[in-house]
Amino acid sequence: MAKAIHMMIRVLEEARSVAFYGQAFGLAVADRFDFDGFTLVYLRNAENDFEVELTINHGRTEPYDLGTGYGHVAFAVADLDAEHARFVAAGLNPNPIKEFHRDGGLMARFFFVQDPDGYKIEVLQTHGRYR
């Protein structure tokens, strides 16, 4: 069976992105590899092995065109209200909390935030299929 191990995004500024993902999701640098022309930084936390891979192309100054294909990555949290308040206090500018209902019941509670490069991130209350 296949196992998801990481997602990769291209970012302009390593320090800015490492700080955001650390502050927002408790991810820390697990590995960092410099190559000619680019650097790879792998972020993770102690809760799981899934990593966010940051690719920093040396000399790039223009923001990346995120296009229409990228949707989002999602993180599940035990207390959505507390996390939303923490994001607000930290100046991370989360969108308001929303709810989806289906067949008369709560399907999902969530909010979105964008990282410094504009990538959308969904933060979901642990509930139902989101754990």
C-alpha atoms as a PDB file:
ATOM      1  CA  MET A   1       0.000   0.000   0.000  1.00  0.00           C
ATOM      2  CA  ALA A   2       1.293   3.470  -0.840  1.00  0.00           C
ATOM      3  CA  LYS A   3       1.991   5.958   1.950  1.00  0.00           C
ATOM      4  CA  ALA A   4       1.867   9.749   1.500  1.00  0.00           C
ATOM      5  CA  ILE A   5       5.227  11.165   2.623  1.00  0.00           C
ATOM      6  CA  HIS A   6       5.378  14.825   1.561  1.00  0.00           C
ATOM      7  CA  MET A   7       4.011  17.690  -0.493  1.00  0.00           C
ATOM      8  CA  MET A   8       6.305  20.151  -2.276  1.00  0.00           C
ATOM      9  CA  ILE A   9       5.849  23.858  -2.822  1.00  0.00           C
ATOM     10  CA  ARG A  10       8.172  26.449  -4.333  1.00  0.00           C
ATOM     11  CA  VAL A  11       8.808  29.444  -2.093  1.00  0.00           C
ATOM     12  CA  LEU A  12      10.735  32.686  -2.487  1.00  0.00           C
ATOM     13  CA  GLU A  13      12.221  33.136   0.977  1.00  0.00           C
ATOM     14  CA  GLU A  14      13.311  30.154   3.054  1.00  0.00           C
ATOM     15  CA  ALA A  15      13.398  31.917   6.434  1.00  0.00           C
ATOM     16  CA  ARG A  16       9.964  33.493   5.959  1.00  0.00           C
ATOM     17  CA  SER A  17       8.375  30.160   5.019  1.00  0.00           C
ATOM     18  CA  VAL A  18      10.128  28.182   7.773  1.00  0.00           C
ATOM     19  CA  ALA A  19       8.943  30.785  10.310  1.00  0.00           C
ATOM     20  CA  PHE A  20       5.345  30.654   9.030  1.00  0.00           C
ATOM     21  CA  TYR A  21       5.046  26.858   9.078  1.00  0.00           C
ATOM     22  CA  GLY A  22       6.732  26.714  12.485  1.00  0.00           C
ATOM     23  CA  GLN A  23       4.444  29.324  13.997  1.00  0.00           C
ATOM     24  CA  ALA A  24       1.252  28.111  12.342  1.00  0.00           C
ATOM     25  CA  PHE A  25       1.646  24.324  12.512  1.00  0.00           C
ATOM     26  CA  GLY A  26       4.611  23.523  14.749  1.00  0.00           C
ATOM     27  CA  LEU A  27       6.664  22.216  11.822  1.00  0.00           C
ATOM     28  CA  ALA A  28      10.429  22.355  12.165  1.00  0.00           C
ATOM     29  CA  VAL A  29      13.285  21.706   9.774  1.00  0.00           C
ATOM     30  CA  ALA A  30      13.918  17.959   9.621  1.00  0.00           C
ATOM     31  CA  ASP A  31      16.478  18.144   6.800  1.00  0.00           C
ATOM     32  CA  ARG A  32      18.006  20.779   4.546  1.00  0.00           C
ATOM     33  CA  PHE A  33      19.912  20.071   1.341  1.00  0.00           C
ATOM     34  CA  ASP A  34      21.748  22.634  -0.788  1.00  0.00           C
ATOM     35  CA  PHE A  35      22.266  21.921  -4.482  1.00  0.00           C
ATOM     36  CA  ASP A  36      23.573  24.004  -7.366  1.00  0.00           C
ATOM     37  CA  GLY A  37      20.703  26.326  -8.155  1.00  0.00           C
ATOM     38  CA  PHE A  38      18.223  25.273  -5.460  1.00  0.00           C
ATOM     39  CA  THR A  39      17.742  24.223  -1.830  1.00  0.00           C
ATOM     40  CA  LEU A  40      15.336  21.636  -0.422  1.00  0.00           C
ATOM     41  CA  VAL A  41      14.008  22.046   3.120  1.00  0.00           C
ATOM     42  CA  TYR A  42      11.862  19.328   4.712  1.00  0.00           C
ATOM     43  CA  LEU A  43       9.535  20.376   7.546  1.00  0.00           C
ATOM     44  CA  ARG A  44       7.694  18.080   9.960  1.00  0.00           C
ATOM     45  CA  ASN A  45       6.544  17.741  13.545  1.00  0.00           C
ATOM     46  CA  ALA A  46       6.658  14.906  16.072  1.00  0.00           C
ATOM     47  CA  GLU A  47       3.007  13.979  15.478  1.00  0.00           C
ATOM     48  CA  ASN A  48       3.547  12.343  12.085  1.00  0.00           C
ATOM     49  CA  ASP A  49       5.981  11.587   9.306  1.00  0.00           C
ATOM     50  CA  PHE A  50       4.248  13.608   6.566  1.00  0.00           C
ATOM     51  CA  GLU A  51       6.464  16.501   5.514  1.00  0.00           C
ATOM     52  CA  VAL A  52       6.158  19.820   3.731  1.00  0.00           C
ATOM     53  CA  GLU A  53       9.036  20.122   1.266  1.00  0.00           C
ATOM     54  CA  LEU A  54      10.050  23.689   0.482  1.00  0.00           C
ATOM     55  CA  THR A  55      11.966  24.223  -2.751  1.00  0.00           C
ATOM     56  CA  ILE A  56      13.901  27.464  -2.924  1.00  0.00           C
ATOM     57  CA  ASN A  57      15.254  28.211  -6.402  1.00  0.00           C
ATOM     58  CA  HIS A  58      18.345  30.388  -5.996  1.00  0.00           C
ATOM     59  CA  GLY A  59      18.135  33.804  -7.622  1.00  0.00           C
ATOM     60  CA  ARG A  60      14.333  33.738  -8.005  1.00  0.00           C
ATOM     61  CA  THR A  61      12.812  37.121  -7.162  1.00  0.00           C
ATOM     62  CA  GLU A  62       9.373  36.985  -8.789  1.00  0.00           C
ATOM     63  CA  PRO A  63       6.461  35.299  -6.993  1.00  0.00           C
ATOM     64  CA  TYR A  64       5.383  31.976  -8.456  1.00  0.00           C
ATOM     65  CA  ASP A  65       2.196  31.767 -10.491  1.00  0.00           C
ATOM     66  CA  LEU A  66       0.106  29.353  -8.443  1.00  0.00           C
ATOM     67  CA  GLY A  67      -2.207  28.751 -11.375  1.00  0.00           C
ATOM     68  CA  THR A  68      -5.629  27.215 -11.138  1.00  0.00           C
ATOM     69  CA  GLY A  69      -4.595  23.629 -10.415  1.00  0.00           C
ATOM     70  CA  TYR A  70      -3.382  23.897  -6.830  1.00  0.00           C
ATOM     71  CA  GLY A  71      -6.152  23.631  -4.254  1.00  0.00           C
ATOM     72  CA  HIS A  72      -4.821  23.330  -0.721  1.00  0.00           C
ATOM     73  CA  VAL A  73      -3.196  21.147   1.887  1.00  0.00           C
ATOM     74  CA  ALA A  74      -5.125  20.453   5.097  1.00  0.00           C
ATOM     75  CA  PHE A  75      -4.180  20.109   8.771  1.00  0.00           C
ATOM     76  CA  ALA A  76      -6.516  18.707  11.455  1.00  0.00           C
ATOM     77  CA  VAL A  77      -6.533  20.220  14.968  1.00  0.00           C
ATOM     78  CA  ALA A  78      -8.285  19.208  18.197  1.00  0.00           C
ATOM     79  CA  ASP A  79      -9.586  22.699  19.064  1.00  0.00           C
ATOM     80  CA  LEU A  80     -10.378  24.767  15.980  1.00  0.00           C
ATOM     81  CA  ASP A  81     -11.589  27.806  17.919  1.00  0.00           C
ATOM     82  CA  ALA A  82      -8.393  27.969  19.985  1.00  0.00           C
ATOM     83  CA  GLU A  83      -6.230  27.545  16.878  1.00  0.00           C
ATOM     84  CA  HIS A  84      -8.149  30.249  15.020  1.00  0.00           C
ATOM     85  CA  ALA A  85      -7.684  32.622  17.976  1.00  0.00           C
ATOM     86  CA  ARG A  86      -3.965  31.758  18.097  1.00  0.00           C
ATOM     87  CA  PHE A  87      -3.591  32.461  14.364  1.00  0.00           C
ATOM     88  CA  VAL A  88      -5.355  35.820  14.781  1.00  0.00           C
ATOM     89  CA  ALA A  89      -3.149  36.748  17.768  1.00  0.00           C
ATOM     90  CA  ALA A  90      -0.041  35.759  15.804  1.00  0.00           C
ATOM     91  CA  GLY A  91      -1.032  38.011  12.896  1.00  0.00           C
ATOM     92  CA  LEU A  92      -1.407  35.108  10.448  1.00  0.00           C
ATOM     93  CA  ASN A  93      -4.691  36.529   9.077  1.00  0.00           C
ATOM     94  CA  PRO A  94      -6.889  33.422   8.949  1.00  0.00           C
ATOM     95  CA  ASN A  95     -10.244  33.574   7.198  1.00  0.00           C
ATOM     96  CA  PRO A  96     -13.356  33.194   9.370  1.00  0.00           C
ATOM     97  CA  ILE A  97     -14.387  29.747  10.590  1.00  0.00           C
ATOM     98  CA  LYS A  98     -16.960  28.079   8.340  1.00  0.00           C
ATOM     99  CA  GLU A  99     -19.108  24.986   8.640  1.00  0.00           C
ATOM    100  CA  PHE A 100     -20.346  22.448   6.113  1.00  0.00           C
ATOM    101  CA  HIS A 101     -23.504  20.510   6.933  1.00  0.00           C
ATOM    102  CA  ARG A 102     -24.698  17.435   5.095  1.00  0.00           C
ATOM    103  CA  ASP A 103     -27.729  15.212   5.631  1.00  0.00           C
ATOM    104  CA  GLY A 104     -28.706  17.203   8.733  1.00  0.00           C
ATOM    105  CA  GLY A 105     -25.347  16.874  10.481  1.00  0.00           C
ATOM    106  CA  LEU A 106     -22.045  18.668  10.766  1.00  0.00           C
ATOM    107  CA  MET A 107     -19.626  17.470   8.121  1.00  0.00           C
ATOM    108  CA  ALA A 108     -16.757  19.906   8.742  1.00  0.00           C
ATOM    109  CA  ARG A 109     -15.676  23.032  10.654  1.00  0.00           C
ATOM    110  CA  PHE A 110     -12.662  24.782   9.158  1.00  0.00           C
ATOM    111  CA  PHE A 111     -10.846  27.949   8.221  1.00  0.00           C
ATOM    112  CA  PHE A 112      -8.306  28.804   5.553  1.00  0.00           C
ATOM    113  CA  VAL A 113      -5.041  30.696   5.853  1.00  0.00           C
ATOM    114  CA  GLN A 114      -2.429  31.533   3.230  1.00  0.00           C
ATOM    115  CA  ASP A 115       1.301  31.084   3.660  1.00  0.00           C
ATOM    116  CA  PRO A 116       3.711  33.905   2.688  1.00  0.00           C
ATOM    117  CA  ASP A 117       3.752  32.722  -0.941  1.00  0.00           C
ATOM    118  CA  GLY A 118      -0.037  32.565  -1.237  1.00  0.00           C
ATOM    119  CA  TYR A 119      -0.545  28.811  -0.884  1.00  0.00           C
ATOM    120  CA  LYS A 120      -3.916  28.023   0.673  1.00  0.00           C
ATOM    121  CA  ILE A 121      -3.995  25.871   3.798  1.00  0.00           C
ATOM    122  CA  GLU A 122      -7.164  24.450   5.336  1.00  0.00           C
ATOM    123  CA  VAL A 123      -7.308  23.951   9.101  1.00  0.00           C
ATOM    124  CA  LEU A 124     -10.052  21.501  10.091  1.00  0.00           C
ATOM    125  CA  GLN A 125     -11.587  20.569  13.435  1.00  0.00           C
ATOM    126  CA  THR A 126     -10.862  16.909  14.136  1.00  0.00           C
ATOM    127  CA  HIS A 127     -14.259  15.346  13.432  1.00  0.00           C
ATOM    128  CA  GLY A 128     -15.683  12.474  11.428  1.00  0.00           C
ATOM    129  CA  ARG A 129     -13.404  11.663   8.508  1.00  0.00           C
ATOM    130  CA  TYR A 130     -10.999  14.497   9.366  1.00  0.00           C
ATOM    131  CA  ARG A 131      -8.609  13.115  11.985  1.00  0.00           C
END
